[in-house]
N, C-alpha and C. Protein backbone atom coordinates (compact mmCIF):
# COMPACT_ATOMS: atom_id res chain seq x y z
N MET A 1 12.06 3.33 -25.83
CA MET A 1 12.81 3.12 -25.14
C MET A 1 13.87 3.06 -25.39
N ALA A 2 14.45 4.00 -24.08
CA ALA A 2 15.89 5.04 -23.92
C ALA A 2 16.67 3.88 -23.86
N ARG A 3 17.94 2.92 -24.31
CA ARG A 3 18.84 2.55 -24.45
C ARG A 3 19.60 2.35 -22.63
N VAL A 4 20.21 1.25 -22.27
CA VAL A 4 20.97 1.82 -21.04
C VAL A 4 21.83 2.59 -20.82
N GLY A 5 21.78 3.33 -19.87
CA GLY A 5 22.78 4.28 -19.91
C GLY A 5 22.98 5.46 -21.20
N GLU A 6 21.52 5.82 -21.68
CA GLU A 6 21.12 6.61 -22.98
C GLU A 6 19.88 7.57 -21.99
N PRO A 7 20.19 8.70 -21.89
CA PRO A 7 19.59 9.26 -21.32
C PRO A 7 18.62 10.04 -22.39
N MET A 8 17.18 10.11 -22.05
CA MET A 8 16.16 10.69 -23.02
C MET A 8 16.87 12.02 -23.31
N VAL A 9 16.56 12.73 -24.14
CA VAL A 9 17.03 13.92 -24.57
C VAL A 9 15.57 14.94 -25.01
N LYS A 10 15.74 16.07 -25.22
CA LYS A 10 15.09 16.95 -24.77
C LYS A 10 15.32 18.06 -25.97
N LEU A 11 14.47 18.02 -27.10
CA LEU A 11 14.47 18.93 -28.18
C LEU A 11 13.75 20.09 -27.06
N LEU A 12 15.05 22.08 -27.18
CA LEU A 12 13.62 22.95 -26.78
C LEU A 12 13.94 23.84 -27.62
N LEU A 13 12.59 24.27 -28.03
CA LEU A 13 12.35 25.29 -28.96
C LEU A 13 11.53 26.54 -28.79
N SER A 14 12.31 27.80 -29.00
CA SER A 14 11.86 29.16 -29.22
C SER A 14 11.71 30.03 -30.03
N TRP A 15 10.97 31.10 -30.12
CA TRP A 15 10.46 31.61 -31.06
C TRP A 15 9.20 33.28 -30.44
N ASP A 16 9.29 33.92 -31.38
CA ASP A 16 8.28 34.75 -31.26
C ASP A 16 7.82 34.85 -32.68
N ILE A 17 5.96 34.93 -32.45
CA ILE A 17 5.21 35.18 -33.73
C ILE A 17 5.47 36.56 -34.15
N LYS A 18 5.56 36.67 -35.71
CA LYS A 18 5.36 37.72 -36.15
C LYS A 18 3.95 38.73 -36.28
N PRO A 19 4.51 39.88 -36.26
CA PRO A 19 3.25 40.38 -35.69
C PRO A 19 2.02 40.85 -37.23
N GLY A 20 1.00 40.14 -36.54
CA GLY A 20 0.23 39.90 -38.31
C GLY A 20 -0.53 38.54 -38.69
N LYS A 21 0.50 37.83 -37.54
CA LYS A 21 0.30 36.11 -38.18
C LYS A 21 0.09 35.36 -37.75
N GLU A 22 -1.15 35.99 -36.26
CA GLU A 22 -1.00 35.80 -35.44
C GLU A 22 -2.18 34.47 -35.13
N MET A 23 -3.18 34.70 -36.25
CA MET A 23 -4.46 33.39 -36.55
C MET A 23 -3.21 32.50 -37.43
N ASP A 24 -2.66 32.48 -38.24
CA ASP A 24 -2.41 31.65 -39.71
C ASP A 24 -0.78 31.11 -38.45
N TYR A 25 -0.51 32.10 -37.57
CA TYR A 25 0.39 30.97 -36.53
C TYR A 25 -0.48 29.89 -36.09
N PHE A 26 -1.49 29.91 -34.89
CA PHE A 26 -1.92 29.00 -34.46
C PHE A 26 -2.41 28.52 -35.35
N ASP A 27 -3.00 28.55 -35.89
CA ASP A 27 -4.57 27.38 -37.17
C ASP A 27 -2.79 26.43 -37.82
N PHE A 28 -1.78 26.80 -38.01
CA PHE A 28 -0.25 25.78 -38.06
C PHE A 28 0.17 25.14 -37.68
N ILE A 29 -0.09 25.92 -35.90
CA ILE A 29 0.22 25.23 -34.88
C ILE A 29 -0.14 23.51 -34.54
N VAL A 30 -1.59 23.95 -34.11
CA VAL A 30 -2.07 23.65 -33.83
C VAL A 30 -3.10 21.66 -35.02
N LYS A 31 -2.47 22.75 -36.04
CA LYS A 31 -3.45 21.63 -37.50
C LYS A 31 -1.76 20.72 -38.09
N GLU A 32 -0.33 21.38 -38.03
CA GLU A 32 0.53 21.02 -38.77
C GLU A 32 2.15 20.66 -38.16
N PHE A 33 2.05 21.55 -36.77
CA PHE A 33 3.08 21.34 -36.16
C PHE A 33 2.85 20.36 -35.51
N ALA A 34 2.60 20.97 -34.10
CA ALA A 34 3.00 20.00 -33.35
C ALA A 34 1.95 18.33 -33.65
N PRO A 35 1.08 18.13 -34.50
CA PRO A 35 0.91 16.62 -35.47
C PRO A 35 2.13 16.30 -36.04
N GLY A 36 2.95 17.23 -36.65
CA GLY A 36 4.15 16.54 -37.61
C GLY A 36 5.53 16.55 -36.53
N LEU A 37 5.00 17.24 -35.23
CA LEU A 37 6.17 16.75 -34.29
C LEU A 37 5.94 14.79 -34.18
N MET A 38 4.37 15.16 -33.16
CA MET A 38 4.23 13.74 -32.71
C MET A 38 4.36 12.82 -33.54
N LYS A 39 4.24 12.89 -35.07
CA LYS A 39 4.31 11.80 -36.62
C LYS A 39 5.30 11.22 -36.15
N LEU A 40 6.95 12.24 -36.68
CA LEU A 40 7.80 12.33 -36.66
C LEU A 40 8.75 11.29 -35.22
N GLY A 41 7.93 11.71 -33.74
CA GLY A 41 8.80 11.13 -32.86
C GLY A 41 8.68 11.50 -31.42
N ILE A 42 8.57 12.71 -31.73
CA ILE A 42 8.69 13.85 -30.41
C ILE A 42 7.92 13.96 -30.61
N GLN A 43 7.94 12.97 -28.67
CA GLN A 43 6.74 13.30 -27.66
C GLN A 43 6.79 15.12 -27.31
N LEU A 44 5.75 15.68 -27.78
CA LEU A 44 5.59 16.68 -26.88
C LEU A 44 5.73 16.86 -25.33
N THR A 45 6.65 17.88 -24.49
CA THR A 45 6.08 17.66 -22.94
C THR A 45 5.35 19.36 -22.18
N GLU A 46 6.04 20.05 -23.43
CA GLU A 46 5.29 20.78 -22.57
C GLU A 46 5.35 22.74 -23.26
N ALA A 47 4.45 23.33 -23.51
CA ALA A 47 3.93 24.32 -24.15
C ALA A 47 4.37 25.74 -23.90
N TRP A 48 4.78 26.70 -23.79
CA TRP A 48 4.79 27.82 -22.69
C TRP A 48 4.06 29.50 -23.83
N TYR A 49 3.61 30.38 -23.03
CA TYR A 49 3.49 31.54 -24.07
C TYR A 49 3.51 32.47 -22.91
N THR A 50 4.54 33.05 -23.54
CA THR A 50 4.54 34.62 -22.49
C THR A 50 3.91 35.68 -22.71
N ILE A 51 3.52 35.86 -21.95
CA ILE A 51 2.83 37.32 -21.90
C ILE A 51 3.07 38.58 -21.85
N PHE A 52 3.66 38.97 -20.23
CA PHE A 52 5.13 39.32 -20.36
C PHE A 52 6.14 39.27 -20.43
N GLY A 53 7.29 40.25 -20.06
CA GLY A 53 8.77 39.93 -19.84
C GLY A 53 9.15 40.04 -21.09
N ASP A 54 10.58 40.04 -20.62
CA ASP A 54 11.18 39.54 -21.54
C ASP A 54 11.69 38.00 -22.14
N GLY A 55 11.86 37.97 -22.58
CA GLY A 55 12.79 36.69 -23.63
C GLY A 55 11.55 36.23 -24.58
N PRO A 56 11.24 35.02 -25.09
CA PRO A 56 10.47 34.56 -26.48
C PRO A 56 9.15 34.40 -26.18
N GLN A 57 8.06 34.46 -27.06
CA GLN A 57 7.07 34.86 -26.72
C GLN A 57 7.46 33.13 -26.23
N ILE A 58 7.01 32.33 -27.38
CA ILE A 58 6.94 31.02 -27.12
C ILE A 58 8.51 29.72 -26.94
N LEU A 59 7.74 29.46 -26.23
CA LEU A 59 8.82 27.85 -25.47
C LEU A 59 7.92 26.86 -25.58
N THR A 60 8.79 25.82 -26.54
CA THR A 60 8.07 24.59 -26.28
C THR A 60 9.27 23.28 -26.21
N GLY A 61 8.86 22.51 -25.87
CA GLY A 61 10.11 21.24 -25.91
C GLY A 61 9.26 19.69 -25.80
N GLY A 62 9.85 18.91 -26.73
CA GLY A 62 9.35 18.03 -26.43
C GLY A 62 10.70 16.92 -26.78
N VAL A 63 10.43 15.35 -26.20
CA VAL A 63 11.45 14.24 -25.52
C VAL A 63 11.77 12.98 -26.78
N THR A 64 12.44 12.93 -27.45
CA THR A 64 12.88 11.46 -27.83
C THR A 64 13.95 10.09 -26.94
N GLU A 65 13.37 9.22 -27.27
CA GLU A 65 14.70 8.59 -26.46
C GLU A 65 15.74 8.48 -26.07
N ASP A 66 16.48 8.75 -27.37
CA ASP A 66 18.13 8.93 -27.42
C ASP A 66 18.41 9.99 -28.51
N LEU A 67 18.81 10.59 -28.29
CA LEU A 67 20.44 11.95 -28.98
C LEU A 67 20.75 11.02 -30.26
N GLU A 68 20.43 10.07 -30.98
CA GLU A 68 20.86 9.41 -32.02
C GLU A 68 19.38 9.53 -32.94
N THR A 69 18.15 9.64 -31.88
CA THR A 69 16.76 9.49 -32.38
C THR A 69 16.69 10.38 -32.59
N MET A 70 16.63 11.61 -32.10
CA MET A 70 16.96 12.90 -32.01
C MET A 70 17.88 13.61 -33.54
N ARG A 71 18.58 12.85 -33.36
CA ARG A 71 19.88 13.55 -34.39
C ARG A 71 19.13 13.24 -35.95
N ASP A 72 18.57 11.95 -36.18
CA ASP A 72 17.41 11.17 -37.85
C ASP A 72 17.00 12.10 -37.32
N ILE A 73 15.64 12.85 -36.66
CA ILE A 73 14.48 13.55 -36.77
C ILE A 73 15.04 15.20 -37.33
N LEU A 74 15.82 15.23 -36.23
CA LEU A 74 16.65 16.66 -36.58
C LEU A 74 17.05 16.88 -38.19
N GLN A 75 17.44 15.31 -38.62
CA GLN A 75 18.19 15.70 -40.32
C GLN A 75 17.03 15.62 -40.92
N SER A 76 16.00 14.40 -40.63
CA SER A 76 15.25 14.22 -41.98
C SER A 76 14.76 15.22 -42.53
N GLU A 77 14.40 15.11 -43.94
CA GLU A 77 13.56 16.25 -44.57
C GLU A 77 12.23 16.56 -43.89
N GLU A 78 11.62 15.83 -43.37
CA GLU A 78 9.82 15.58 -43.00
C GLU A 78 10.68 17.06 -42.14
N TRP A 79 11.65 16.93 -40.59
CA TRP A 79 11.68 18.19 -40.34
C TRP A 79 12.23 19.78 -40.64
N LEU A 80 12.81 19.40 -41.59
CA LEU A 80 13.48 20.46 -42.51
C LEU A 80 11.95 21.51 -42.85
N GLU A 81 11.36 20.42 -43.56
CA GLU A 81 10.37 21.24 -44.44
C GLU A 81 8.95 21.80 -42.73
N LEU A 82 8.47 20.94 -41.28
CA LEU A 82 8.20 21.43 -40.76
C LEU A 82 8.66 22.74 -40.54
N LYS A 83 9.87 22.83 -39.67
CA LYS A 83 10.48 24.19 -39.69
C LYS A 83 10.69 25.02 -40.71
N SER A 84 10.88 24.85 -42.03
CA SER A 84 10.66 25.69 -42.93
C SER A 84 9.15 26.71 -42.94
N LYS A 85 8.27 25.93 -42.55
CA LYS A 85 6.89 26.00 -42.56
C LYS A 85 6.86 26.94 -41.51
N LEU A 86 7.73 26.59 -39.94
CA LEU A 86 7.30 27.61 -39.05
C LEU A 86 7.69 28.86 -38.86
N LEU A 87 8.88 29.01 -39.98
CA LEU A 87 10.13 29.89 -40.09
C LEU A 87 8.99 31.41 -40.67
N GLN A 88 7.79 30.95 -41.25
CA GLN A 88 6.77 31.99 -42.03
C GLN A 88 6.44 32.50 -41.06
N PHE A 89 6.00 31.94 -39.96
CA PHE A 89 5.37 32.73 -39.69
C PHE A 89 6.07 33.44 -37.75
N VAL A 90 7.04 32.83 -37.69
CA VAL A 90 8.26 33.57 -36.93
C VAL A 90 8.95 34.02 -36.39
N THR A 91 9.33 34.98 -36.25
CA THR A 91 10.68 35.45 -35.86
C THR A 91 11.56 34.80 -34.65
N ASN A 92 13.39 34.87 -34.32
CA ASN A 92 14.31 34.59 -33.03
C ASN A 92 14.03 33.48 -33.23
N PHE A 93 13.77 32.45 -33.90
CA PHE A 93 13.90 30.63 -33.67
C PHE A 93 15.33 30.49 -33.06
N LYS A 94 15.29 29.29 -32.09
CA LYS A 94 16.43 28.83 -31.27
C LYS A 94 16.24 27.86 -30.56
N GLN A 95 16.66 26.98 -31.68
CA GLN A 95 16.53 25.22 -31.40
C GLN A 95 17.46 24.80 -30.40
N LYS A 96 17.69 23.60 -29.73
CA LYS A 96 18.62 23.22 -29.29
C LYS A 96 18.47 21.51 -28.22
N VAL A 97 19.28 20.48 -28.46
CA VAL A 97 19.11 19.76 -27.68
C VAL A 97 19.65 20.02 -26.25
N VAL A 98 18.88 19.10 -25.18
CA VAL A 98 19.35 19.38 -24.40
C VAL A 98 19.13 17.67 -23.53
N PRO A 99 20.20 16.62 -22.07
CA PRO A 99 20.02 15.56 -21.50
C PRO A 99 18.39 15.88 -20.75
N ALA A 100 17.35 15.09 -21.11
CA ALA A 100 15.33 15.35 -21.12
C ALA A 100 16.04 15.80 -19.02
N ARG A 101 15.13 16.73 -18.33
CA ARG A 101 15.31 17.08 -17.06
C ARG A 101 13.43 16.72 -16.88
N SER A 102 12.73 16.55 -15.49
CA SER A 102 11.40 16.14 -15.54
C SER A 102 10.80 17.96 -15.03
N ARG A 103 12.03 18.72 -14.74
CA ARG A 103 11.50 20.35 -14.13
C ARG A 103 11.84 20.93 -15.95
N PHE A 104 11.24 22.67 -15.59
CA PHE A 104 11.68 23.80 -16.62
C PHE A 104 12.74 23.74 -17.04
N GLN A 105 12.55 23.59 -18.49
CA GLN A 105 14.51 23.58 -18.88
C GLN A 105 14.61 25.21 -20.06
N LEU A 106 15.70 25.35 -19.45
CA LEU A 106 15.50 26.78 -21.01
C LEU A 106 16.90 26.53 -22.01
């Protein structure tokens, strides 16, 4: 539960899937990445797959109760290992932490 006065924070992630890695990528996302984020304490809130237009192919987000929790997660060995595995399947990876809002965020 968020501390009084401390808003929930959201981790925003974006990337493009490497050509030829799509099947392995989706297998990894379903079996390891999404469950791994949840195990770390990030509650997934959205995932977007861009089919047409400019911008990242994948946008996803998840929240934690406060900034301290998010910082602890993003500095953990478990997150670094999960991110390292993801980078085998993607390019143009970006991440940022922002105050959580109920609407779509970039």
